[in-house]
Amino acid sequence: MKAIEQGQEREIIIARGGRFMAKLVPLENPPAGMRIGVAKGAFEVPDSIDTHNKEIAKLFVGEANS
């Protein structure tokens, strides 16, 4: 795959038992994905963020595990 990424190869053929199974080619325009940290500075985390942790845990695991 590194050869495709670096433009050294235009395609890679994958074969099994002498039969072509797949062809790996580079995308024309790779899709733009979400980046980690895109919301940085968009909101403030309150000091009381952990206030309701036990209540939220009960919603996930139920009363028996509290």
N, C-alpha and C. Protein backbone atom coordinates (compact mmCIF):
# COMPACT_ATOMS: atom_id res chain seq x y z
N MET A 1 0.82 -1.19 0.00
CA MET A 1 0.00 0.00 0.00
C MET A 1 0.86 1.25 0.00
N LYS A 2 2.04 1.17 0.59
CA LYS A 2 2.91 2.33 0.63
C LYS A 2 3.27 2.79 -0.79
N ALA A 3 3.45 1.84 -1.71
CA ALA A 3 3.78 2.19 -3.09
C ALA A 3 2.65 2.98 -3.74
N ILE A 4 1.40 2.62 -3.44
CA ILE A 4 0.25 3.36 -3.97
C ILE A 4 0.21 4.76 -3.36
N GLU A 5 0.38 4.84 -2.03
CA GLU A 5 0.34 6.13 -1.33
C GLU A 5 1.40 7.10 -1.86
N GLN A 6 2.56 6.56 -2.15
CA GLN A 6 3.67 7.41 -2.59
C GLN A 6 3.70 7.62 -4.09
N GLY A 7 2.72 7.04 -4.81
CA GLY A 7 2.63 7.25 -6.25
C GLY A 7 3.62 6.42 -7.05
N GLN A 8 4.27 5.44 -6.42
CA GLN A 8 5.23 4.59 -7.13
C GLN A 8 4.53 3.56 -8.01
N GLU A 9 3.32 3.18 -7.64
CA GLU A 9 2.51 2.22 -8.39
C GLU A 9 1.13 2.82 -8.62
N ARG A 10 0.52 2.53 -9.79
CA ARG A 10 -0.82 3.02 -10.08
C ARG A 10 -1.88 2.01 -9.68
N GLU A 11 -1.50 0.73 -9.56
CA GLU A 11 -2.44 -0.29 -9.13
C GLU A 11 -1.68 -1.50 -8.58
N ILE A 12 -2.34 -2.23 -7.70
CA ILE A 12 -1.79 -3.48 -7.18
C ILE A 12 -2.88 -4.53 -7.38
N ILE A 13 -2.52 -5.63 -8.04
CA ILE A 13 -3.45 -6.73 -8.30
C ILE A 13 -3.26 -7.79 -7.22
N ILE A 14 -4.36 -8.24 -6.64
CA ILE A 14 -4.34 -9.31 -5.65
C ILE A 14 -4.92 -10.55 -6.32
N ALA A 15 -4.14 -11.65 -6.28
CA ALA A 15 -4.58 -12.88 -6.94
C ALA A 15 -4.47 -14.06 -5.98
N ARG A 16 -5.29 -15.08 -6.26
CA ARG A 16 -5.22 -16.32 -5.49
C ARG A 16 -5.39 -17.47 -6.48
N GLY A 17 -4.46 -18.39 -6.45
CA GLY A 17 -4.54 -19.55 -7.34
C GLY A 17 -4.51 -19.16 -8.81
N GLY A 18 -3.79 -18.09 -9.14
CA GLY A 18 -3.69 -17.65 -10.52
C GLY A 18 -4.89 -16.87 -11.03
N ARG A 19 -5.87 -16.61 -10.16
CA ARG A 19 -7.06 -15.84 -10.57
C ARG A 19 -7.03 -14.47 -9.90
N PHE A 20 -7.29 -13.45 -10.67
CA PHE A 20 -7.35 -12.10 -10.11
C PHE A 20 -8.55 -11.99 -9.18
N MET A 21 -8.34 -11.46 -7.99
CA MET A 21 -9.40 -11.33 -7.00
C MET A 21 -9.79 -9.87 -6.75
N ALA A 22 -8.79 -8.98 -6.77
CA ALA A 22 -9.06 -7.57 -6.46
C ALA A 22 -7.97 -6.69 -7.05
N LYS A 23 -8.31 -5.42 -7.21
CA LYS A 23 -7.34 -4.43 -7.69
C LYS A 23 -7.38 -3.24 -6.74
N LEU A 24 -6.21 -2.87 -6.23
CA LEU A 24 -6.07 -1.73 -5.33
C LEU A 24 -5.55 -0.54 -6.14
N VAL A 25 -6.33 0.55 -6.14
CA VAL A 25 -5.95 1.76 -6.87
C VAL A 25 -6.12 2.96 -5.95
N PRO A 26 -5.37 4.04 -6.19
CA PRO A 26 -5.54 5.22 -5.34
C PRO A 26 -6.84 5.95 -5.65
N LEU A 27 -7.40 6.60 -4.64
CA LEU A 27 -8.59 7.43 -4.84
C LEU A 27 -8.18 8.72 -5.51
N GLU A 28 -9.06 9.25 -6.34
CA GLU A 28 -8.77 10.53 -6.99
C GLU A 28 -8.68 11.65 -5.97
N ASN A 29 -9.70 11.78 -5.15
CA ASN A 29 -9.73 12.78 -4.09
C ASN A 29 -10.08 12.08 -2.79
N PRO A 30 -9.11 11.81 -1.95
CA PRO A 30 -9.43 11.13 -0.69
C PRO A 30 -10.45 11.92 0.11
N PRO A 31 -11.44 11.24 0.71
CA PRO A 31 -12.47 11.94 1.47
C PRO A 31 -11.89 12.63 2.71
N ALA A 32 -12.37 13.83 2.97
CA ALA A 32 -11.94 14.56 4.16
C ALA A 32 -12.73 14.03 5.34
N GLY A 33 -12.05 13.62 6.39
CA GLY A 33 -12.71 13.08 7.56
C GLY A 33 -12.71 14.09 8.70
N MET A 34 -13.42 13.72 9.74
CA MET A 34 -13.42 14.56 10.94
C MET A 34 -12.06 14.50 11.60
N ARG A 35 -11.61 15.61 12.07
CA ARG A 35 -10.33 15.67 12.77
C ARG A 35 -10.59 15.75 14.26
N ILE A 36 -9.72 15.13 15.02
CA ILE A 36 -9.81 15.22 16.47
C ILE A 36 -9.48 16.66 16.86
N GLY A 37 -10.27 17.21 17.75
CA GLY A 37 -10.01 18.55 18.24
C GLY A 37 -10.69 19.66 17.46
N VAL A 38 -11.61 19.32 16.56
CA VAL A 38 -12.25 20.37 15.77
C VAL A 38 -13.14 21.28 16.61
N ALA A 39 -13.57 20.82 17.79
CA ALA A 39 -14.43 21.64 18.65
C ALA A 39 -13.63 22.37 19.73
N LYS A 40 -12.31 22.28 19.66
CA LYS A 40 -11.48 22.92 20.68
C LYS A 40 -11.80 24.41 20.75
N GLY A 41 -12.11 24.86 21.96
CA GLY A 41 -12.43 26.27 22.17
C GLY A 41 -13.87 26.63 21.86
N ALA A 42 -14.67 25.67 21.40
CA ALA A 42 -16.05 25.96 21.04
C ALA A 42 -16.96 26.02 22.27
N PHE A 43 -16.56 25.41 23.39
CA PHE A 43 -17.37 25.46 24.59
C PHE A 43 -16.46 25.31 25.81
N GLU A 44 -17.01 25.65 26.96
CA GLU A 44 -16.26 25.52 28.21
C GLU A 44 -16.78 24.34 29.00
N VAL A 45 -15.89 23.56 29.59
CA VAL A 45 -16.27 22.44 30.43
C VAL A 45 -16.49 22.97 31.84
N PRO A 46 -17.69 22.77 32.41
CA PRO A 46 -17.96 23.29 33.75
C PRO A 46 -17.17 22.52 34.81
N ASP A 47 -16.94 23.18 35.94
CA ASP A 47 -16.23 22.54 37.05
C ASP A 47 -17.01 21.36 37.60
N SER A 48 -18.33 21.38 37.48
CA SER A 48 -19.19 20.34 38.03
C SER A 48 -19.47 19.20 37.04
N ILE A 49 -18.59 18.95 36.11
CA ILE A 49 -18.84 17.95 35.06
C ILE A 49 -19.04 16.54 35.61
N ASP A 50 -18.44 16.23 36.76
CA ASP A 50 -18.56 14.89 37.33
C ASP A 50 -19.68 14.74 38.35
N THR A 51 -20.48 15.75 38.54
CA THR A 51 -21.53 15.75 39.56
C THR A 51 -22.49 14.58 39.44
N HIS A 52 -22.90 14.21 38.25
CA HIS A 52 -23.94 13.20 38.04
C HIS A 52 -23.39 11.85 37.57
N ASN A 53 -22.10 11.58 37.75
CA ASN A 53 -21.51 10.33 37.25
C ASN A 53 -22.21 9.09 37.78
N LYS A 54 -22.53 9.03 39.08
CA LYS A 54 -23.16 7.84 39.65
C LYS A 54 -24.55 7.62 39.07
N GLU A 55 -25.30 8.69 38.88
CA GLU A 55 -26.64 8.58 38.30
C GLU A 55 -26.58 8.08 36.87
N ILE A 56 -25.62 8.58 36.12
CA ILE A 56 -25.47 8.15 34.72
C ILE A 56 -25.03 6.70 34.65
N ALA A 57 -24.13 6.28 35.54
CA ALA A 57 -23.69 4.88 35.58
C ALA A 57 -24.87 3.96 35.85
N LYS A 58 -25.78 4.36 36.73
CA LYS A 58 -26.96 3.54 37.04
C LYS A 58 -27.83 3.35 35.80
N LEU A 59 -27.89 4.36 34.93
CA LEU A 59 -28.67 4.24 33.70
C LEU A 59 -28.10 3.16 32.79
N PHE A 60 -26.77 2.99 32.82
CA PHE A 60 -26.13 2.00 31.97
C PHE A 60 -26.10 0.61 32.58
N VAL A 61 -25.79 0.50 33.87
CA VAL A 61 -25.62 -0.82 34.49
C VAL A 61 -26.78 -1.22 35.39
N GLY A 62 -27.67 -0.32 35.69
CA GLY A 62 -28.82 -0.63 36.52
C GLY A 62 -28.55 -0.45 38.00
N GLU A 63 -29.61 -0.56 38.77
CA GLU A 63 -29.54 -0.34 40.22
C GLU A 63 -28.77 -1.44 40.94
N ALA A 64 -28.81 -2.68 40.44
CA ALA A 64 -28.21 -3.82 41.13
C ALA A 64 -26.69 -3.69 41.26
N ASN A 65 -26.05 -2.98 40.35
CA ASN A 65 -24.59 -2.87 40.36
C ASN A 65 -24.09 -1.60 41.03
N SER A 66 -24.93 -0.90 41.74
CA SER A 66 -24.50 0.36 42.34
C SER A 66 -23.94 0.16 43.74
